[in-house]
Amino acid sequence: MNKPNKPQITREELRILKRNRKEQWVGIVVALVIPAFVASIFKERYPLLDLTAMNNVEFNFFISNVLMISVILNSIIFGIGLRLKRDGLARGVLLGSFAAAACLIYFKFIA
């Protein structure tokens, strides 16, 4: 009984797969760091903004604004990644954007 030949992967395909995997992790990290970056800009812009003194409604409003801006920035980076044919980067940013959008939905509608 002969075993069917497995399709062999070329060095070029392997290199592309490794690059996509690395780009995907970079995209996830970028997408998850952007909300912290936006929050720090808010904090720098409004120095009297005290997160500990906010009530629940104000805090949810602040978080939802930060996450909305983050989702917009992530979608811009996603578009750039697709335009530059960096599939791994675009996939990673998309995954991170889903996480940010889930937080946005939670803070906007559930909390």
Protein backbone atom coordinates (compact mmCIF):
# COMPACT_ATOMS: atom_id res chain seq x y z
CA MET A 1 0.00 0.00 0.00
CA ASN A 2 1.61 3.21 -1.16
CA LYS A 3 1.30 6.38 0.87
CA PRO A 4 0.27 9.42 -1.15
CA ASN A 5 2.99 12.01 -1.53
CA LYS A 6 2.61 14.95 0.77
CA PRO A 7 2.83 18.26 -1.00
CA GLN A 8 6.25 19.72 -0.31
CA ILE A 9 6.44 23.29 0.88
CA THR A 10 9.11 25.40 -0.75
CA ARG A 11 11.58 27.61 1.07
CA GLU A 12 9.89 30.70 -0.32
CA GLU A 13 6.46 29.63 0.98
CA LEU A 14 7.94 28.82 4.38
CA ARG A 15 9.60 32.23 4.51
CA ILE A 16 6.30 33.94 3.69
CA LEU A 17 4.45 31.94 6.36
CA LYS A 18 7.05 32.87 9.00
CA ARG A 19 6.89 36.53 7.98
CA ASN A 20 3.08 36.50 8.17
CA ARG A 21 3.18 34.95 11.64
CA LYS A 22 5.61 37.61 12.89
CA GLU A 23 3.55 40.38 11.30
CA GLN A 24 0.41 39.01 12.90
CA TRP A 25 1.94 39.28 16.38
CA VAL A 26 3.13 42.81 15.60
CA GLY A 27 -0.40 43.70 14.50
CA ILE A 28 -1.96 42.29 17.66
CA VAL A 29 0.48 44.20 19.86
CA VAL A 30 -0.09 47.42 17.90
CA ALA A 31 -3.87 47.04 18.11
CA LEU A 32 -3.75 46.45 21.86
CA VAL A 33 -1.28 49.29 22.57
CA ILE A 34 -3.25 51.94 20.66
CA PRO A 35 -5.99 52.30 23.35
CA ALA A 36 -3.35 52.94 26.01
CA PHE A 37 -1.70 55.48 23.71
CA VAL A 38 -5.01 57.28 23.08
CA ALA A 39 -5.81 57.29 26.81
CA SER A 40 -2.41 58.81 27.59
CA ILE A 41 -3.05 61.54 25.00
CA PHE A 42 -6.40 62.27 26.68
CA LYS A 43 -4.68 62.37 30.05
CA GLU A 44 -1.98 64.73 28.75
CA ARG A 45 -4.50 66.95 26.98
CA TYR A 46 -6.76 67.23 30.03
CA PRO A 47 -4.46 67.21 33.09
CA LEU A 48 -7.38 67.70 35.51
CA LEU A 49 -8.91 64.46 34.30
CA ASP A 50 -8.93 62.24 37.38
CA LEU A 51 -10.01 58.70 36.58
CA THR A 52 -10.34 57.81 40.27
CA ALA A 53 -12.79 60.65 40.97
CA MET A 54 -15.09 59.81 38.04
CA ASN A 55 -18.44 58.22 38.63
CA ASN A 56 -19.46 55.16 36.63
CA VAL A 57 -21.20 57.06 33.81
CA GLU A 58 -18.28 59.43 33.25
CA PHE A 59 -15.78 56.58 33.31
CA ASN A 60 -17.81 54.58 30.77
CA PHE A 61 -18.03 57.67 28.55
CA PHE A 62 -14.26 58.17 28.76
CA ILE A 63 -13.53 54.51 27.99
CA SER A 64 -15.99 54.40 25.10
CA ASN A 65 -14.42 57.52 23.55
CA VAL A 66 -10.93 56.07 23.88
CA LEU A 67 -12.01 52.77 22.36
CA MET A 68 -13.90 54.43 19.49
CA ILE A 69 -10.82 56.42 18.52
CA SER A 70 -8.73 53.26 18.87
CA VAL A 71 -11.03 51.29 16.56
CA ILE A 72 -10.78 54.07 13.97
CA LEU A 73 -6.96 54.09 14.17
CA ASN A 74 -6.85 50.29 14.01
CA SER A 75 -9.03 50.28 10.89
CA ILE A 76 -6.67 52.78 9.26
CA ILE A 77 -3.68 50.55 10.07
CA PHE A 78 -5.66 47.53 8.78
CA GLY A 79 -6.25 49.33 5.48
CA ILE A 80 -2.58 50.27 5.21
CA GLY A 81 -1.58 46.66 5.91
CA LEU A 82 -3.88 45.41 3.16
CA ARG A 83 -2.70 48.08 0.74
CA LEU A 84 0.95 47.14 1.33
CA LYS A 85 0.07 43.46 0.93
CA ARG A 86 1.09 42.68 4.52
CA ASP A 87 -1.53 40.06 5.24
CA GLY A 88 -0.14 39.05 8.62
CA LEU A 89 -0.13 42.64 9.90
CA ALA A 90 -3.66 43.22 8.69
CA ARG A 91 -4.87 39.97 10.27
CA GLY A 92 -3.26 40.83 13.61
CA VAL A 93 -4.69 44.35 13.68
CA LEU A 94 -8.09 42.92 12.81
CA LEU A 95 -7.92 40.53 15.76
CA GLY A 96 -6.89 43.35 18.09
CA SER A 97 -9.67 45.55 16.71
CA PHE A 98 -12.22 42.86 17.50
CA ALA A 99 -10.97 42.87 21.09
CA ALA A 100 -11.24 46.67 21.28
CA ALA A 101 -14.69 46.61 19.69
CA ALA A 102 -15.85 43.97 22.18
CA CYS A 103 -14.68 46.20 25.04
CA LEU A 104 -16.45 49.16 23.43
CA ILE A 105 -19.72 47.23 23.17
CA TYR A 106 -19.38 46.08 26.76
CA PHE A 107 -18.76 49.56 28.18
CA LYS A 108 -21.31 51.26 25.93
CA PHE A 109 -24.27 48.92 26.29
CA ILE A 110 -23.76 46.42 29.09
CA ALA A 111 -21.90 48.25 31.88
